Amino acid sequence: MHKKSIPSDDGKINDLKENNKDANKDSKKSNKKEADILYQDIMKLKGFKAFKDQYDNYFVRYPVDNRFEIQPIKSRDFNDFLHSRLQNKIKRLPSDESIKKVQQGIQSLITSSKTIQKLNNRVAAKDNILLYDLSNRNNEIVKITADGWSIDTDNSITFYRWSTQKEQIKPLKESCIDDIYKLFNYVNVPKEQQLLYLVYVVSCFIGGDFSRPISDFVGEKGAAKTTTVRMTNDLIDPTECDTLSIPSKDEDIAIILQRHWFVSFDNISTISKTQSDLLCKGATGGSIEKRKLYSDIDVIICKFKSCISLNGTTLPIEEDDLIDRSIIFEVERISPENRKQESELWKEFYEAKPLILGAVFTILSKVLSSKKTVLENLSRLADFEAIGFQIAEIIEPGKGEEFRKQLKENVKKQNEEALNNNETARIAITVIREIIGDGIEAMLFPKELYDKCRPYAAGKKFPQSDAWLMRELFKLKSNLESEGIFFKKETRVNNRFPYTFTIKQF
């Protein structure tokens, strides 16, 4: 009698494994076929281009509704475009794996071809032409030349268009230069600094390597600091986030600076040395290196150059480098009878904005066609002072020197802030003036000065040695000289160097 053979569990498991292998093979074949179909389709698109930007990031340009989009290769927008394109081809939902294969294939093509294209954020400069991105669905830009300005369609590879950017309203050709003064119906800037403010605003529309100062709006509550900065932001670079809090992490600050042409940090109460250093880099151009993922060693170079604005009830800046790069606008509280509802104010501003923008572009065109004036005794903000003189002369002939005067007054504010925000400097100034008294100068060894300062430094942040004290004073040397306090190192005496401190009356 024969027993029936019963299939073992091992046999069932082996059958399942074989079935899974077959399914996986079919799936891989399907994914490969989908990826091939999509890749070939994308490569045939008119105007499609894959490239790296100047910072080594992968980008694609592709047609959408009679215009071109420029997006990072792994952006959500391009991913959605690929999904939609493939779904229309195969008439079913494509797999994510197929999309990834296509993205990888395009990225490999970029790597092998070494195609690099410079991209700009909102503004650009090419030869003697300035470009301003209106960031709208028609790819329209403002093209500014020495002969005037026009609104053109731009299908070249020129601009980033970040998701945070908002479309800019179109400027009006019917505007005149005087329309720029309409800004003061909406922003709160003291009369003695209004020309300086206008020059600063116009300079923010200039691309290229030109370095701009950092604008600081300081004043008590009710001075409309935030509204002034928001309107400045909206005129230059409208974004979904028109004011931001300053992040604590380096890479978060860097990413914000990279994604915004004009960025305003609101209600600043403290600024660390690291934040200060990054803001200075942001104004002149800088970069940081960060890992792509915590689990690997690949890095991303995050580069940035932006127009930066800060505001607060005080200016909490201790680093003299940041102060030296700042234009300080001291705004006063708006009286109740001059206040407007914010909704009404913004409505009026948006109605005037096309005329104001038209005035800005007309001014820039005339700057491009004007002869540069060679200036002497430039401030540390030399680039800004030189181009600012031209801008001021175009706004109103003969106003170039008035602009320089307002900028010089700002340097005095910089010095005051640098010394007022530095406890070491304040204590040293007090002691030096007491020592010299009614005289002109006094010679002191660093240890002598340090010992005389110590009683004033109780419970305060103060250097822990005389060498450290002198290093701090050397950092603020130019600021001290603005207050009439000069010092110089003398010949060695008994292995020590004395310093002569002098007080001069201006």
Protein backbone atom coordinates (compact mmCIF):
# COMPACT_ATOMS: atom_id res chain seq x y z
CA MET A 1 0.00 0.00 0.00
CA HIS A 2 1.46 3.24 -1.16
CA LYS A 3 1.19 6.40 0.91
CA LYS A 4 0.15 9.65 -0.74
CA SER A 5 2.99 12.11 -1.03
CA ILE A 6 2.29 15.36 0.78
CA PRO A 7 3.98 18.55 -0.53
CA SER A 8 6.40 19.84 2.05
CA ASP A 9 6.33 23.40 3.37
CA ASP A 10 9.79 23.78 1.88
CA GLY A 11 8.33 23.13 -1.54
CA LYS A 12 5.67 25.80 -1.09
CA ILE A 13 8.29 28.28 0.05
CA ASN A 14 10.48 27.49 -2.96
CA ASP A 15 7.50 27.97 -5.28
CA LEU A 16 6.78 31.34 -3.67
CA LYS A 17 10.41 32.39 -4.03
CA GLU A 18 10.37 31.47 -7.71
CA ASN A 19 7.13 33.38 -8.23
CA ASN A 20 8.60 36.45 -6.46
CA LYS A 21 11.72 36.25 -8.59
CA ASP A 22 9.61 36.18 -11.71
CA ALA A 23 7.50 39.08 -10.44
CA ASN A 24 10.63 41.08 -9.61
CA LYS A 25 12.05 40.38 -13.04
CA ASP A 26 8.82 41.50 -14.67
CA SER A 27 8.73 44.61 -12.47
CA LYS A 28 12.33 45.50 -13.35
CA LYS A 29 11.62 44.96 -17.04
CA SER A 30 8.54 47.14 -16.77
CA ASN A 31 10.43 49.88 -14.90
CA LYS A 32 13.26 49.73 -17.45
CA LYS A 33 10.80 49.98 -20.32
CA GLU A 34 8.96 52.91 -18.69
CA ALA A 35 12.23 54.70 -17.99
CA ASP A 36 13.42 54.19 -21.59
CA ILE A 37 10.14 55.53 -23.00
CA LEU A 38 10.25 58.62 -20.79
CA TYR A 39 13.97 59.31 -21.26
CA GLN A 40 13.68 59.20 -25.05
CA ASP A 41 10.60 61.43 -24.89
CA ILE A 42 12.29 64.02 -22.69
CA MET A 43 15.40 64.15 -24.86
CA LYS A 44 13.22 65.02 -27.89
CA LEU A 45 11.47 67.95 -26.19
CA LYS A 46 12.09 71.23 -27.98
CA GLY A 47 14.20 73.53 -25.83
CA PHE A 48 14.99 70.88 -23.20
CA LYS A 49 18.38 71.40 -21.60
CA ALA A 50 20.13 69.77 -18.66
CA PHE A 51 23.02 71.53 -16.94
CA LYS A 52 24.86 72.39 -13.73
CA ASP A 53 24.70 75.89 -12.30
CA GLN A 54 27.81 77.76 -11.15
CA TYR A 55 27.45 76.18 -7.69
CA ASP A 56 27.53 72.58 -8.99
CA ASN A 57 23.77 71.99 -8.60
CA TYR A 58 21.88 69.95 -11.24
CA PHE A 59 19.14 71.77 -13.21
CA VAL A 60 16.83 71.22 -16.18
CA ARG A 61 14.99 73.56 -18.51
CA TYR A 62 11.81 72.15 -20.02
CA PRO A 63 8.74 73.49 -21.87
CA VAL A 64 5.42 74.02 -20.06
CA ASP A 65 2.42 75.74 -21.70
CA ASN A 66 4.40 77.71 -24.31
CA ARG A 67 7.02 78.80 -21.81
CA PHE A 68 10.10 77.30 -20.16
CA GLU A 69 10.55 76.22 -16.56
CA ILE A 70 13.99 76.03 -14.94
CA GLN A 71 14.02 73.70 -11.94
CA PRO A 72 16.45 71.55 -9.94
CA ILE A 73 16.49 68.08 -11.44
CA LYS A 74 15.04 66.51 -8.27
CA SER A 75 12.52 69.25 -7.56
CA ARG A 76 8.88 68.42 -6.94
CA ASP A 77 7.82 70.43 -10.01
CA PHE A 78 10.06 68.50 -12.41
CA ASN A 79 9.13 65.22 -10.70
CA ASP A 80 5.43 65.98 -11.27
CA PHE A 81 6.18 66.92 -14.88
CA LEU A 82 7.88 63.56 -15.48
CA HIS A 83 5.02 61.62 -13.86
CA SER A 84 2.43 63.42 -15.98
CA ARG A 85 4.47 63.00 -19.17
CA LEU A 86 4.97 59.25 -18.66
CA GLN A 87 1.37 58.64 -17.59
CA ASN A 88 0.16 60.18 -20.85
CA LYS A 89 2.49 57.87 -22.76
CA ILE A 90 1.74 54.53 -21.06
CA LYS A 91 -1.88 55.29 -20.04
CA ARG A 92 -1.37 54.07 -16.47
CA LEU A 93 0.25 55.26 -13.25
CA PRO A 94 4.04 55.04 -13.66
CA SER A 95 6.30 53.69 -10.94
CA ASP A 96 8.44 55.96 -8.82
CA GLU A 97 11.42 53.79 -9.71
CA SER A 98 11.02 54.68 -13.40
CA ILE A 99 11.05 58.40 -12.60
CA LYS A 100 14.18 58.03 -10.47
CA LYS A 101 15.93 56.16 -13.30
CA VAL A 102 15.17 58.98 -15.73
CA GLN A 103 16.40 61.63 -13.29
CA GLN A 104 19.58 59.64 -12.73
CA GLY A 105 20.05 59.24 -16.48
CA ILE A 106 19.72 62.99 -17.06
CA GLN A 107 22.09 63.69 -14.17
CA SER A 108 24.67 61.30 -15.66
CA LEU A 109 24.33 63.12 -18.99
CA ILE A 110 25.06 66.45 -17.28
CA THR A 111 28.10 64.98 -15.50
CA SER A 112 29.58 63.58 -18.70
CA SER A 113 28.86 66.68 -20.82
CA LYS A 114 30.11 69.10 -18.12
CA THR A 115 27.52 71.68 -19.17
CA ILE A 116 27.62 74.69 -16.80
CA GLN A 117 25.22 77.63 -16.91
CA LYS A 118 25.22 80.63 -14.56
CA LEU A 119 21.87 81.27 -12.88
CA ASN A 120 20.81 84.48 -11.14
CA ASN A 121 18.23 85.29 -8.50
CA ARG A 122 15.83 88.14 -9.49
CA VAL A 123 18.55 90.43 -10.93
CA ALA A 124 21.36 89.89 -13.42
CA ALA A 125 24.01 91.88 -15.26
CA LYS A 126 25.38 91.04 -18.71
CA ASP A 127 27.96 93.38 -20.20
CA ASN A 128 26.33 96.84 -19.99
CA ILE A 129 22.79 95.43 -19.67
CA LEU A 130 20.79 94.92 -16.48
CA LEU A 131 18.01 92.33 -16.26
CA TYR A 132 15.22 92.12 -13.70
CA ASP A 133 13.01 89.03 -13.44
CA LEU A 134 9.28 89.70 -13.11
CA SER A 135 8.97 86.00 -12.17
CA ASN A 136 5.66 85.51 -13.94
CA ARG A 137 4.24 82.63 -15.97
CA ASN A 138 5.13 84.35 -19.23
CA ASN A 139 8.87 84.39 -18.40
CA GLU A 140 8.91 88.19 -18.66
CA ILE A 141 11.88 90.27 -17.63
CA VAL A 142 12.75 93.95 -17.60
CA LYS A 143 15.73 94.64 -19.85
CA ILE A 144 17.58 97.85 -18.99
CA THR A 145 20.12 99.36 -21.38
CA ALA A 146 21.70 102.77 -21.87
CA ASP A 147 18.94 103.49 -24.40
CA GLY A 148 16.03 102.77 -22.06
CA TRP A 149 14.14 99.79 -20.68
CA SER A 150 11.58 97.32 -22.00
CA ILE A 151 9.60 94.27 -20.91
CA ASP A 152 10.76 91.22 -22.88
CA THR A 153 10.08 87.49 -22.89
CA ASP A 154 13.13 85.60 -21.69
CA ASN A 155 13.58 82.03 -22.87
CA SER A 156 17.29 81.98 -22.17
CA ILE A 157 18.78 80.32 -19.12
CA THR A 158 19.23 83.30 -16.82
CA PHE A 159 17.22 83.09 -13.59
CA TYR A 160 16.40 80.79 -10.71
CA ARG A 161 12.74 80.98 -9.84
CA TRP A 162 12.34 79.78 -6.27
CA SER A 163 8.95 78.64 -5.00
CA THR A 164 9.01 81.44 -2.39
CA GLN A 165 9.19 84.17 -5.05
CA LYS A 166 6.09 86.13 -5.94
CA GLU A 167 5.28 87.65 -9.29
CA GLN A 168 6.29 91.28 -9.61
CA ILE A 169 3.77 93.78 -10.93
CA LYS A 170 4.66 95.25 -14.33
CA PRO A 171 6.26 98.72 -14.30
CA LEU A 172 4.71 101.56 -16.26
CA LYS A 173 6.58 103.26 -19.11
CA GLU A 174 4.52 106.40 -18.45
CA SER A 175 6.33 107.00 -15.18
CA CYS A 176 8.92 109.73 -14.63
CA ILE A 177 11.93 109.91 -12.33
CA ASP A 178 10.08 112.03 -9.77
CA ASP A 179 7.66 109.13 -9.22
CA ILE A 180 10.29 107.51 -7.05
CA TYR A 181 9.48 110.07 -4.35
CA LYS A 182 6.03 108.45 -4.03
CA LEU A 183 7.77 105.88 -1.84
CA PHE A 184 7.74 108.34 1.04
CA ASN A 185 3.95 108.25 1.13
CA TYR A 186 4.33 104.68 2.49
CA VAL A 187 7.75 104.20 4.12
CA ASN A 188 8.88 105.95 7.28
CA VAL A 189 12.37 107.36 6.64
CA PRO A 190 13.63 110.60 8.24
CA LYS A 191 13.92 113.50 5.79
CA GLU A 192 17.65 113.91 6.36
CA GLN A 193 18.18 110.30 5.15
CA GLN A 194 15.64 110.09 2.33
CA LEU A 195 18.12 110.54 -0.53
CA LEU A 196 20.35 107.88 1.03
CA TYR A 197 17.35 105.53 1.22
CA LEU A 198 16.36 106.12 -2.42
CA VAL A 199 19.91 105.47 -3.61
CA TYR A 200 20.02 102.29 -1.54
CA VAL A 201 16.72 101.04 -3.02
CA VAL A 202 17.82 101.70 -6.62
CA SER A 203 21.18 100.01 -5.97
CA CYS A 204 19.35 96.82 -4.97
CA PHE A 205 18.21 96.43 -8.61
CA ILE A 206 21.80 96.23 -9.85
CA GLY A 207 23.23 92.76 -10.45
CA GLY A 208 26.83 91.66 -10.90
CA ASP A 209 29.69 91.83 -8.41
CA PHE A 210 28.62 95.16 -6.94
CA SER A 211 28.46 94.96 -3.11
CA ARG A 212 25.64 96.69 -1.29
CA PRO A 213 25.51 97.81 2.34
CA ILE A 214 23.21 96.18 4.90
CA SER A 215 20.25 98.40 5.81
CA ASP A 216 19.36 98.69 9.50
CA PHE A 217 16.05 100.26 10.57
CA VAL A 218 16.16 101.28 14.22
CA GLY A 219 13.48 102.98 16.29
CA GLU A 220 10.94 102.70 19.05
CA LYS A 221 7.67 100.80 18.87
CA GLY A 222 5.14 102.45 16.58
CA ALA A 223 7.77 103.68 14.11
CA ALA A 224 6.48 101.31 11.36
CA LYS A 225 9.90 99.69 10.99
CA THR A 226 8.48 96.34 9.90
CA THR A 227 6.03 97.92 7.44
CA THR A 228 8.83 100.03 5.94
CA VAL A 229 11.03 96.97 5.47
CA ARG A 230 8.16 94.87 4.08
CA MET A 231 7.35 97.52 1.48
CA THR A 232 11.03 97.85 0.57
CA ASN A 233 11.13 94.06 0.20
CA ASP A 234 7.95 94.04 -1.92
CA LEU A 235 9.31 96.69 -4.26
CA ILE A 236 12.67 94.96 -4.81
CA ASP A 237 11.99 91.23 -4.47
CA PRO A 238 8.40 90.25 -3.57
CA THR A 239 8.31 86.91 -1.74
CA GLU A 240 5.89 84.82 0.28
CA CYS A 241 8.06 85.44 3.36
CA ASP A 242 8.74 89.18 3.39
CA THR A 243 10.15 89.23 6.93
CA LEU A 244 11.98 86.43 8.72
CA SER A 245 13.50 85.62 12.08
CA ILE A 246 17.23 85.15 11.94
CA PRO A 247 18.08 81.44 12.38
CA SER A 248 20.71 80.22 14.81
CA LYS A 249 22.24 77.60 12.49
CA ASP A 250 24.79 78.66 9.86
CA GLU A 251 23.33 76.51 7.10
CA ASP A 252 19.79 77.83 7.71
CA ILE A 253 21.01 81.42 7.32
CA ALA A 254 22.96 80.45 4.19
CA ILE A 255 19.93 78.77 2.59
CA ILE A 256 17.76 81.85 3.25
CA LEU A 257 20.42 84.13 1.73
CA GLN A 258 20.72 81.85 -1.30
CA ARG A 259 16.96 81.79 -1.94
CA HIS A 260 16.22 85.51 -1.47
CA TRP A 261 17.65 88.41 -3.42
CA PHE A 262 16.37 90.82 -0.77
CA VAL A 263 15.99 89.34 2.70
CA SER A 264 14.79 91.16 5.81
CA PHE A 265 15.30 89.87 9.34
CA ASP A 266 12.66 91.30 11.65
CA ASN A 267 12.69 92.42 15.31
CA ILE A 268 16.34 91.57 15.94
CA SER A 269 17.25 91.59 19.63
CA THR A 270 20.65 89.84 19.54
CA ILE A 271 23.18 88.94 16.87
CA SER A 272 25.93 86.42 17.60
CA LYS A 273 29.44 86.66 16.13
CA THR A 274 28.69 83.71 13.81
CA GLN A 275 25.48 85.33 12.57
CA SER A 276 27.31 88.62 12.12
CA ASP A 277 30.05 86.97 10.05
CA LEU A 278 27.48 85.26 7.80
CA LEU A 279 25.55 88.49 7.24
CA CYS A 280 28.79 90.20 6.19
CA LYS A 281 29.48 87.32 3.80
CA GLY A 282 25.94 87.63 2.48
CA ALA A 283 26.45 91.29 1.59
CA THR A 284 29.78 90.81 -0.19
CA GLY A 285 29.36 87.22 -1.39
CA GLY A 286 30.20 84.06 0.54
CA SER A 287 29.64 80.35 0.91
CA ILE A 288 29.45 77.50 3.39
CA GLU A 289 30.01 73.79 2.98
CA LYS A 290 27.50 71.26 4.33
CA ARG A 291 26.92 67.54 4.03
CA LYS A 292 24.13 66.30 1.77
CA LEU A 293 23.07 63.75 4.37
CA TYR A 294 24.23 62.99 7.87
CA SER A 295 25.00 59.43 6.74
CA ASP A 296 27.47 60.27 3.95
CA ILE A 297 30.53 62.38 3.22
CA ASP A 298 29.21 64.14 0.08
CA VAL A 299 29.02 67.91 0.49
CA ILE A 300 27.02 70.77 -0.99
CA ILE A 301 28.59 74.20 -1.45
CA CYS A 302 25.95 76.76 -0.54
CA LYS A 303 26.91 80.13 -2.07
CA PHE A 304 25.03 83.38 -1.63
CA LYS A 305 25.03 87.14 -2.16
CA SER A 306 22.00 89.15 -1.15
CA CYS A 307 20.58 92.53 -0.23
CA ILE A 308 20.10 92.29 3.55
CA SER A 309 17.98 94.36 5.91
CA LEU A 310 17.65 94.25 9.71
CA ASN A 311 15.25 96.02 12.03
CA GLY A 312 14.76 96.35 15.77
CA THR A 313 14.18 98.82 18.58
CA THR A 314 17.95 98.96 19.06
CA LEU A 315 20.89 97.85 16.96
CA PRO A 316 22.33 94.83 18.84
CA ILE A 317 25.52 94.65 16.77
CA GLU A 318 28.85 94.26 18.56
CA GLU A 319 31.01 93.18 15.63
CA ASP A 320 32.55 96.27 14.05
CA ASP A 321 32.78 94.58 10.63
CA LEU A 322 28.99 94.31 10.42
CA ILE A 323 28.50 97.87 11.68
CA ASP A 324 30.96 99.19 9.06
CA ARG A 325 28.86 97.56 6.32
CA SER A 326 25.57 99.02 7.59
CA ILE A 327 23.42 102.00 6.69
CA ILE A 328 21.52 102.93 9.83
CA PHE A 329 18.09 104.50 9.35
CA GLU A 330 16.81 105.95 12.62
CA VAL A 331 13.02 106.08 12.30
CA GLU A 332 10.71 107.95 14.66
CA ARG A 333 7.32 106.99 16.05
CA ILE A 334 4.43 107.95 13.76
CA SER A 335 1.97 110.33 15.42
CA PRO A 336 -1.65 109.08 15.77
CA GLU A 337 -3.01 111.72 13.37
CA ASN A 338 -0.63 110.50 10.62
CA ARG A 339 -1.42 106.81 11.00
CA LYS A 340 -3.40 104.86 8.41
CA GLN A 341 -5.01 101.46 8.48
CA GLU A 342 -2.50 98.95 7.13
CA SER A 343 -4.93 97.58 4.53
CA GLU A 344 -5.48 101.09 3.16
CA LEU A 345 -1.75 101.82 3.14
CA TRP A 346 -0.96 98.65 1.18
CA LYS A 347 -3.77 99.29 -1.30
CA GLU A 348 -2.38 102.73 -2.07
CA PHE A 349 1.16 101.34 -2.27
CA TYR A 350 0.19 98.68 -4.83
CA GLU A 351 -1.54 101.34 -6.94
CA ALA A 352 1.62 103.47 -6.93
CA LYS A 353 4.13 100.62 -7.31
CA PRO A 354 4.06 100.38 -11.16
CA LEU A 355 5.00 104.08 -11.35
CA ILE A 356 7.72 103.72 -8.70
CA LEU A 357 9.20 100.69 -10.48
CA GLY A 358 9.12 102.54 -13.79
CA ALA A 359 11.05 105.39 -12.17
CA VAL A 360 13.66 102.94 -10.80
CA PHE A 361 14.29 101.41 -14.23
CA THR A 362 14.46 104.82 -15.90
CA ILE A 363 17.06 105.92 -13.34
CA LEU A 364 19.10 102.75 -13.94
CA SER A 365 19.00 103.28 -17.71
CA LYS A 366 20.36 106.80 -17.30
CA VAL A 367 23.06 105.53 -14.91
CA LEU A 368 24.19 103.10 -17.63
CA SER A 369 24.43 105.94 -20.15
CA SER A 370 26.05 108.49 -17.82
CA LYS A 371 29.75 109.19 -17.51
CA LYS A 372 31.27 107.96 -14.25
CA THR A 373 32.67 110.58 -11.89
CA VAL A 374 35.98 109.78 -10.22
CA LEU A 375 35.55 110.38 -6.49
CA GLU A 376 38.23 110.87 -3.86
CA ASN A 377 38.28 109.96 -0.16
CA LEU A 378 35.80 107.11 -0.51
CA SER A 379 34.35 105.45 2.58
CA ARG A 380 34.65 101.75 3.32
CA LEU A 381 31.42 101.34 1.34
CA ALA A 382 33.38 102.45 -1.73
CA ASP A 383 31.39 100.55 -4.40
CA PHE A 384 28.11 101.81 -3.02
CA GLU A 385 29.39 105.38 -2.66
CA ALA A 386 30.66 105.48 -6.25
CA ILE A 387 27.51 104.10 -7.89
CA GLY A 388 25.34 105.96 -5.36
CA PHE A 389 26.80 109.30 -6.45
CA GLN A 390 25.68 108.54 -10.04
CA ILE A 391 22.22 107.44 -8.92
CA ALA A 392 21.75 110.57 -6.80
CA GLU A 393 22.78 112.80 -9.72
CA ILE A 394 20.19 111.12 -11.96
CA ILE A 395 17.43 111.41 -9.34
CA GLU A 396 18.13 115.11 -9.07
CA PRO A 397 21.11 116.85 -10.75
CA GLY A 398 23.52 118.29 -8.21
CA LYS A 399 22.42 115.91 -5.44
CA GLY A 400 25.51 113.66 -5.63
CA GLU A 401 27.35 115.55 -2.90
CA GLU A 402 24.21 115.64 -0.75
CA PHE A 403 24.13 111.84 -0.98
CA ARG A 404 27.79 111.66 0.08
CA LYS A 405 27.04 113.99 2.98
CA GLN A 406 24.21 111.71 4.16
CA LEU A 407 26.50 108.71 3.78
CA LYS A 408 29.20 110.48 5.81
CA GLU A 409 26.66 111.16 8.56
CA ASN A 410 25.93 107.45 8.50
CA VAL A 411 29.63 106.74 9.15
CA LYS A 412 29.31 108.81 12.34
CA LYS A 413 26.34 106.64 13.36
CA GLN A 414 28.42 103.54 12.61
CA ASN A 415 31.19 104.77 14.92
CA GLU A 416 28.73 105.65 17.67
CA GLU A 417 27.11 102.23 17.45
CA ALA A 418 30.47 100.43 17.37
CA LEU A 419 31.61 102.18 20.55
CA ASN A 420 28.24 102.17 22.35
CA ASN A 421 27.81 98.43 21.78
CA ASN A 422 31.30 97.59 23.04
CA GLU A 423 31.70 97.69 26.84
CA THR A 424 35.49 97.46 26.59
CA ALA A 425 35.63 100.54 24.37
CA ARG A 426 33.28 102.52 26.61
CA ILE A 427 35.34 101.76 29.72
CA ALA A 428 38.67 102.47 27.98
CA ILE A 429 37.41 105.83 26.64
CA THR A 430 36.27 106.88 30.12
CA VAL A 431 39.62 105.95 31.70
CA ILE A 432 41.77 107.52 28.96
CA ARG A 433 39.87 110.80 29.21
CA GLU A 434 40.25 110.80 33.03
CA ILE A 435 44.00 110.14 32.78
CA ILE A 436 44.67 112.82 30.19
CA GLY A 437 42.30 115.30 31.86
CA ASP A 438 42.90 118.81 30.52
CA GLY A 439 46.08 117.75 28.77
CA ILE A 440 46.71 116.50 25.27
CA GLU A 441 48.40 113.13 25.67
CA ALA A 442 49.69 110.54 28.11
CA MET A 443 52.05 107.58 27.82
CA LEU A 444 50.88 104.33 29.37
CA PHE A 445 51.95 100.73 29.45
CA PRO A 446 49.10 98.32 28.62
CA LYS A 447 49.23 96.92 32.17
CA GLU A 448 48.73 100.40 33.62
CA LEU A 449 45.70 101.05 31.42
CA TYR A 450 44.32 97.61 32.20
CA ASP A 451 44.62 98.08 35.97
CA LYS A 452 42.91 101.48 35.82
CA CYS A 453 40.04 99.99 33.78
CA ARG A 454 39.42 97.05 36.12
CA PRO A 455 37.36 98.97 38.75
CA TYR A 456 34.90 100.01 36.02
CA ALA A 457 34.67 96.45 34.67
CA ALA A 458 33.18 94.74 37.73
CA GLY A 459 30.43 92.36 36.63
CA LYS A 460 30.84 93.33 32.98
CA LYS A 461 32.21 91.59 29.93
CA PHE A 462 35.83 92.70 29.84
CA PRO A 463 39.16 91.30 28.54
CA GLN A 464 41.02 89.00 30.91
CA SER A 465 44.47 90.45 30.21
CA ASP A 466 46.19 93.67 29.12
CA ALA A 467 47.22 92.04 25.81
CA TRP A 468 43.61 91.15 25.11
CA LEU A 469 42.56 94.71 25.99
CA MET A 470 44.98 96.16 23.41
CA ARG A 471 43.74 93.73 20.76
CA GLU A 472 40.19 94.97 21.35
CA LEU A 473 41.30 98.61 21.10
CA PHE A 474 43.17 97.94 17.84
CA LYS A 475 40.01 96.40 16.36
CA LEU A 476 38.17 99.67 17.13
CA LYS A 477 41.07 102.00 16.28
CA SER A 478 39.26 103.81 13.45
CA ASN A 479 36.11 104.17 15.58
CA LEU A 480 38.13 105.62 18.50
CA GLU A 481 39.81 108.08 16.16
CA SER A 482 36.38 109.30 15.09
CA GLU A 483 35.86 110.21 18.76
CA GLY A 484 39.18 112.07 18.84
CA ILE A 485 41.15 109.36 20.68
CA PHE A 486 44.41 108.29 18.99
CA PHE A 487 47.10 105.91 20.18
CA LYS A 488 50.41 104.62 18.86
CA LYS A 489 53.02 102.13 19.93
CA GLU A 490 56.30 103.60 21.17
CA THR A 491 59.88 102.25 21.43
CA ARG A 492 60.44 99.33 23.81
CA VAL A 493 61.23 100.26 27.42
CA ASN A 494 62.58 97.48 29.68
CA ASN A 495 61.19 94.79 27.39
CA ARG A 496 57.75 96.42 27.37
CA PHE A 497 56.07 98.63 24.80
CA PRO A 498 54.33 101.79 26.05
CA TYR A 499 51.58 103.53 24.08
CA THR A 500 50.99 107.24 23.66
CA PHE A 501 47.28 108.11 23.94
CA THR A 502 46.24 111.46 22.48
CA ILE A 503 42.96 113.36 22.57
CA LYS A 504 42.30 115.70 19.65
CA GLN A 505 39.48 118.19 19.35
CA PHE A 506 37.86 118.41 15.89
